Amino acid sequence: MKDKELHPGAIAGIIAALVLIIAAGYYFGTKGPSGTVDLKEVDTKDTTPLRPGQPGYRERTTDSPQ
């Protein structure tokens, strides 16, 4: 080896470190805010309940037959 040549393991380590830094930057750059939600401010009432005949509606014994 000449004096100015780098060891192949050192080159592989530098490349691996650069890939890791770029991947971490991409991950943290695209990660959205993770704010908490106050359950008192969330509207949990279903404004459009399913009606008889719609897919997903489960008839109850209190429903009047039509």
Protein backbone atom coordinates (compact mmCIF):
# COMPACT_ATOMS: atom_id res chain seq x y z
CA MET A 1 0.00 0.00 0.00
CA LYS A 2 1.10 3.49 -0.68
CA ASP A 3 1.06 6.18 1.99
CA LYS A 4 -1.96 7.99 0.52
CA GLU A 5 -4.17 4.92 0.09
CA LEU A 6 -6.95 4.14 2.56
CA HIS A 7 -7.64 0.69 3.88
CA PRO A 8 -10.70 -0.93 2.20
CA GLY A 9 -12.31 -1.45 5.63
CA ALA A 10 -12.00 2.25 6.37
CA ILE A 11 -13.64 3.13 3.06
CA ALA A 12 -16.50 0.69 3.77
CA GLY A 13 -16.92 2.19 7.25
CA ILE A 14 -17.09 5.73 5.87
CA ILE A 15 -19.67 4.70 3.26
CA ALA A 16 -21.75 2.86 5.88
CA ALA A 17 -21.65 5.90 8.19
CA LEU A 18 -22.78 8.20 5.36
CA VAL A 19 -25.65 5.88 4.45
CA LEU A 20 -26.71 5.72 8.10
CA ILE A 21 -26.61 9.52 8.46
CA ILE A 22 -28.63 10.01 5.25
CA ALA A 23 -31.21 7.38 6.29
CA ALA A 24 -31.61 8.92 9.76
CA GLY A 25 -32.01 12.39 8.23
CA TYR A 26 -34.68 11.11 5.86
CA TYR A 27 -36.52 9.28 8.65
CA PHE A 28 -36.60 12.22 11.02
CA GLY A 29 -37.33 14.67 8.21
CA THR A 30 -40.42 12.84 6.99
CA LYS A 31 -41.74 11.82 10.39
CA GLY A 32 -44.86 13.86 11.19
CA PRO A 33 -45.57 15.56 14.47
CA SER A 34 -46.57 13.17 17.22
CA GLY A 35 -48.74 15.47 19.29
CA THR A 36 -51.14 14.04 21.79
CA VAL A 37 -54.88 14.37 21.33
CA ASP A 38 -57.06 15.74 24.11
CA LEU A 39 -60.03 13.36 24.26
CA LYS A 40 -62.23 16.10 25.71
CA GLU A 41 -61.90 18.08 22.46
CA VAL A 42 -62.63 15.17 20.12
CA ASP A 43 -66.19 14.83 18.81
CA THR A 44 -67.07 11.15 19.22
CA LYS A 45 -70.76 11.43 18.32
CA ASP A 46 -71.66 9.71 15.05
CA THR A 47 -73.58 12.32 13.07
CA THR A 48 -74.61 9.89 10.32
CA PRO A 49 -75.71 6.61 11.91
CA LEU A 50 -76.44 3.66 9.65
CA ARG A 51 -80.05 3.14 8.71
CA PRO A 52 -81.89 -0.13 8.14
CA GLY A 53 -80.95 -1.60 4.78
CA GLN A 54 -77.50 -0.02 4.61
CA PRO A 55 -74.45 -2.28 4.56
CA GLY A 56 -73.06 -2.71 8.07
CA TYR A 57 -76.36 -2.02 9.84
CA ARG A 58 -77.20 -4.60 12.45
CA GLU A 59 -80.88 -4.84 13.28
CA ARG A 60 -81.87 -4.64 16.91
CA THR A 61 -84.77 -6.37 18.54
CA THR A 62 -86.28 -2.94 19.31
CA ASP A 63 -86.48 -1.97 15.60
CA SER A 64 -89.97 -1.99 14.21
CA PRO A 65 -90.46 -4.27 11.19
CA GLN A 66 -91.08 -2.48 7.90
